[in-house]
Amino acid sequence: MAKTNPIQFLQQVRSEAAKVTWPTRRETAITTTMVFIMAAVAAVFFLLVDQILAFGVGLLLGVGG
């Protein structure tokens, strides 16, 4: 790999950064909201699965019921 001097490197970095398509404020807000919603759904799902498994183990072992 050929070495470049620091000035060429910075020029290349600037040109590559200019090609990046940054999300709009609206897209960022929607994505953030969806992440929080999916995290809440996953938390509720795993809570329910945990409660069902705990109930089943309790029945099998005759503990806690």
N, C-alpha and C. Protein backbone atom coordinates (compact mmCIF):
# COMPACT_ATOMS: atom_id res chain seq x y z
N MET A 1 0.86 -1.17 0.00
CA MET A 1 0.00 0.00 0.00
C MET A 1 0.90 1.24 0.00
N ALA A 2 0.65 2.12 -0.95
CA ALA A 2 1.48 3.31 -1.07
C ALA A 2 1.17 4.28 0.06
N LYS A 3 2.23 4.89 0.58
CA LYS A 3 2.05 5.87 1.65
C LYS A 3 1.78 7.24 1.03
N THR A 4 0.91 7.99 1.67
CA THR A 4 0.63 9.34 1.22
C THR A 4 1.05 10.30 2.32
N ASN A 5 1.35 11.50 1.90
CA ASN A 5 1.73 12.47 2.93
C ASN A 5 0.47 12.96 3.65
N PRO A 6 0.62 13.58 4.81
CA PRO A 6 -0.55 13.98 5.60
C PRO A 6 -1.49 14.94 4.88
N ILE A 7 -0.98 15.80 4.04
CA ILE A 7 -1.85 16.75 3.33
C ILE A 7 -2.72 16.01 2.32
N GLN A 8 -2.14 15.09 1.57
CA GLN A 8 -2.93 14.30 0.63
C GLN A 8 -3.97 13.47 1.37
N PHE A 9 -3.57 12.91 2.50
CA PHE A 9 -4.49 12.12 3.30
C PHE A 9 -5.70 12.95 3.72
N LEU A 10 -5.46 14.15 4.23
CA LEU A 10 -6.55 15.02 4.66
C LEU A 10 -7.44 15.41 3.49
N GLN A 11 -6.85 15.63 2.31
CA GLN A 11 -7.65 15.94 1.13
C GLN A 11 -8.54 14.75 0.76
N GLN A 12 -7.99 13.57 0.84
CA GLN A 12 -8.77 12.36 0.54
C GLN A 12 -9.90 12.18 1.56
N VAL A 13 -9.60 12.44 2.82
CA VAL A 13 -10.62 12.33 3.86
C VAL A 13 -11.75 13.32 3.59
N ARG A 14 -11.41 14.55 3.26
CA ARG A 14 -12.44 15.55 2.97
C ARG A 14 -13.30 15.15 1.77
N SER A 15 -12.65 14.62 0.73
CA SER A 15 -13.42 14.24 -0.46
C SER A 15 -14.34 13.05 -0.15
N GLU A 16 -13.88 12.12 0.67
CA GLU A 16 -14.74 10.98 1.04
C GLU A 16 -15.86 11.43 1.96
N ALA A 17 -15.58 12.33 2.89
CA ALA A 17 -16.62 12.82 3.80
C ALA A 17 -17.69 13.59 3.03
N ALA A 18 -17.31 14.22 1.94
CA ALA A 18 -18.28 14.96 1.13
C ALA A 18 -19.25 14.01 0.43
N LYS A 19 -18.85 12.76 0.23
CA LYS A 19 -19.71 11.78 -0.44
C LYS A 19 -20.75 11.17 0.50
N VAL A 20 -20.59 11.38 1.80
CA VAL A 20 -21.49 10.77 2.78
C VAL A 20 -22.86 11.44 2.70
N THR A 21 -23.90 10.62 2.71
CA THR A 21 -25.26 11.14 2.74
C THR A 21 -25.72 11.11 4.19
N TRP A 22 -25.78 12.27 4.81
CA TRP A 22 -26.16 12.37 6.20
C TRP A 22 -27.67 12.36 6.33
N PRO A 23 -28.21 11.69 7.37
CA PRO A 23 -29.67 11.68 7.53
C PRO A 23 -30.19 13.05 7.97
N THR A 24 -31.42 13.31 7.60
CA THR A 24 -32.05 14.56 8.01
C THR A 24 -32.46 14.45 9.48
N ARG A 25 -32.82 15.58 10.05
CA ARG A 25 -33.27 15.59 11.45
C ARG A 25 -34.52 14.71 11.61
N ARG A 26 -35.41 14.76 10.62
CA ARG A 26 -36.64 13.95 10.67
C ARG A 26 -36.31 12.46 10.62
N GLU A 27 -35.41 12.06 9.71
CA GLU A 27 -35.02 10.65 9.62
C GLU A 27 -34.38 10.17 10.91
N THR A 28 -33.56 11.01 11.52
CA THR A 28 -32.91 10.65 12.78
C THR A 28 -33.95 10.48 13.88
N ALA A 29 -34.92 11.38 13.95
CA ALA A 29 -35.96 11.30 14.97
C ALA A 29 -36.80 10.04 14.79
N ILE A 30 -37.17 9.72 13.55
CA ILE A 30 -37.98 8.53 13.28
C ILE A 30 -37.20 7.27 13.64
N THR A 31 -35.95 7.21 13.26
CA THR A 31 -35.13 6.04 13.56
C THR A 31 -34.95 5.87 15.07
N THR A 32 -34.70 6.96 15.77
CA THR A 32 -34.55 6.91 17.22
C THR A 32 -35.82 6.43 17.89
N THR A 33 -36.96 6.93 17.43
CA THR A 33 -38.24 6.50 17.98
C THR A 33 -38.46 5.01 17.74
N MET A 34 -38.15 4.55 16.55
CA MET A 34 -38.32 3.13 16.24
C MET A 34 -37.42 2.25 17.10
N VAL A 35 -36.22 2.71 17.38
CA VAL A 35 -35.30 1.95 18.24
C VAL A 35 -35.90 1.82 19.63
N PHE A 36 -36.43 2.92 20.18
CA PHE A 36 -37.03 2.86 21.51
C PHE A 36 -38.27 1.96 21.53
N ILE A 37 -39.08 2.03 20.48
CA ILE A 37 -40.27 1.18 20.41
C ILE A 37 -39.87 -0.29 20.35
N MET A 38 -38.90 -0.62 19.50
CA MET A 38 -38.47 -2.02 19.38
C MET A 38 -37.82 -2.52 20.66
N ALA A 39 -37.09 -1.66 21.37
CA ALA A 39 -36.50 -2.05 22.65
C ALA A 39 -37.60 -2.33 23.68
N ALA A 40 -38.65 -1.52 23.68
CA ALA A 40 -39.77 -1.74 24.60
C ALA A 40 -40.50 -3.04 24.26
N VAL A 41 -40.72 -3.29 22.98
CA VAL A 41 -41.39 -4.53 22.56
C VAL A 41 -40.55 -5.74 22.97
N ALA A 42 -39.25 -5.67 22.75
CA ALA A 42 -38.37 -6.78 23.12
C ALA A 42 -38.38 -6.98 24.64
N ALA A 43 -38.38 -5.89 25.40
CA ALA A 43 -38.39 -6.00 26.86
C ALA A 43 -39.68 -6.68 27.34
N VAL A 44 -40.81 -6.29 26.78
CA VAL A 44 -42.09 -6.90 27.17
C VAL A 44 -42.10 -8.37 26.77
N PHE A 45 -41.62 -8.69 25.58
CA PHE A 45 -41.58 -10.08 25.12
C PHE A 45 -40.76 -10.94 26.08
N PHE A 46 -39.55 -10.48 26.41
CA PHE A 46 -38.70 -11.28 27.28
C PHE A 46 -39.24 -11.34 28.71
N LEU A 47 -39.93 -10.30 29.15
CA LEU A 47 -40.59 -10.35 30.45
C LEU A 47 -41.66 -11.45 30.47
N LEU A 48 -42.47 -11.49 29.41
CA LEU A 48 -43.52 -12.51 29.33
C LEU A 48 -42.92 -13.92 29.25
N VAL A 49 -41.90 -14.09 28.43
CA VAL A 49 -41.25 -15.41 28.32
C VAL A 49 -40.66 -15.82 29.66
N ASP A 50 -40.02 -14.89 30.35
CA ASP A 50 -39.44 -15.18 31.65
C ASP A 50 -40.50 -15.58 32.66
N GLN A 51 -41.63 -14.87 32.67
CA GLN A 51 -42.70 -15.18 33.60
C GLN A 51 -43.30 -16.56 33.31
N ILE A 52 -43.48 -16.88 32.03
CA ILE A 52 -44.02 -18.19 31.65
C ILE A 52 -43.07 -19.30 32.06
N LEU A 53 -41.78 -19.11 31.79
CA LEU A 53 -40.80 -20.13 32.18
C LEU A 53 -40.71 -20.28 33.69
N ALA A 54 -40.76 -19.17 34.40
CA ALA A 54 -40.71 -19.22 35.87
C ALA A 54 -41.94 -19.98 36.41
N PHE A 55 -43.09 -19.70 35.82
CA PHE A 55 -44.31 -20.41 36.23
C PHE A 55 -44.18 -21.90 35.97
N GLY A 56 -43.68 -22.27 34.77
CA GLY A 56 -43.52 -23.68 34.42
C GLY A 56 -42.53 -24.39 35.33
N VAL A 57 -41.43 -23.75 35.63
CA VAL A 57 -40.44 -24.35 36.53
C VAL A 57 -41.03 -24.48 37.93
N GLY A 58 -41.79 -23.47 38.34
CA GLY A 58 -42.44 -23.53 39.64
C GLY A 58 -43.40 -24.70 39.73
N LEU A 59 -44.15 -24.96 38.67
CA LEU A 59 -45.06 -26.11 38.65
C LEU A 59 -44.31 -27.43 38.71
N LEU A 60 -43.23 -27.50 37.94
CA LEU A 60 -42.45 -28.75 37.91
C LEU A 60 -41.80 -29.04 39.26
N LEU A 61 -41.29 -28.04 39.91
CA LEU A 61 -40.57 -28.24 41.16
C LEU A 61 -41.47 -28.11 42.39
N GLY A 62 -42.68 -27.63 42.19
CA GLY A 62 -43.60 -27.45 43.30
C GLY A 62 -43.17 -26.35 44.25
N VAL A 63 -42.49 -25.35 43.70
CA VAL A 63 -41.98 -24.25 44.51
C VAL A 63 -42.70 -22.96 44.12
N GLY A 64 -42.95 -22.13 45.10
CA GLY A 64 -43.48 -20.80 44.83
C GLY A 64 -44.93 -20.76 44.41
N GLY A 65 -45.67 -21.75 44.69
CA GLY A 65 -47.02 -21.67 44.22
C GLY A 65 -48.01 -22.15 45.20
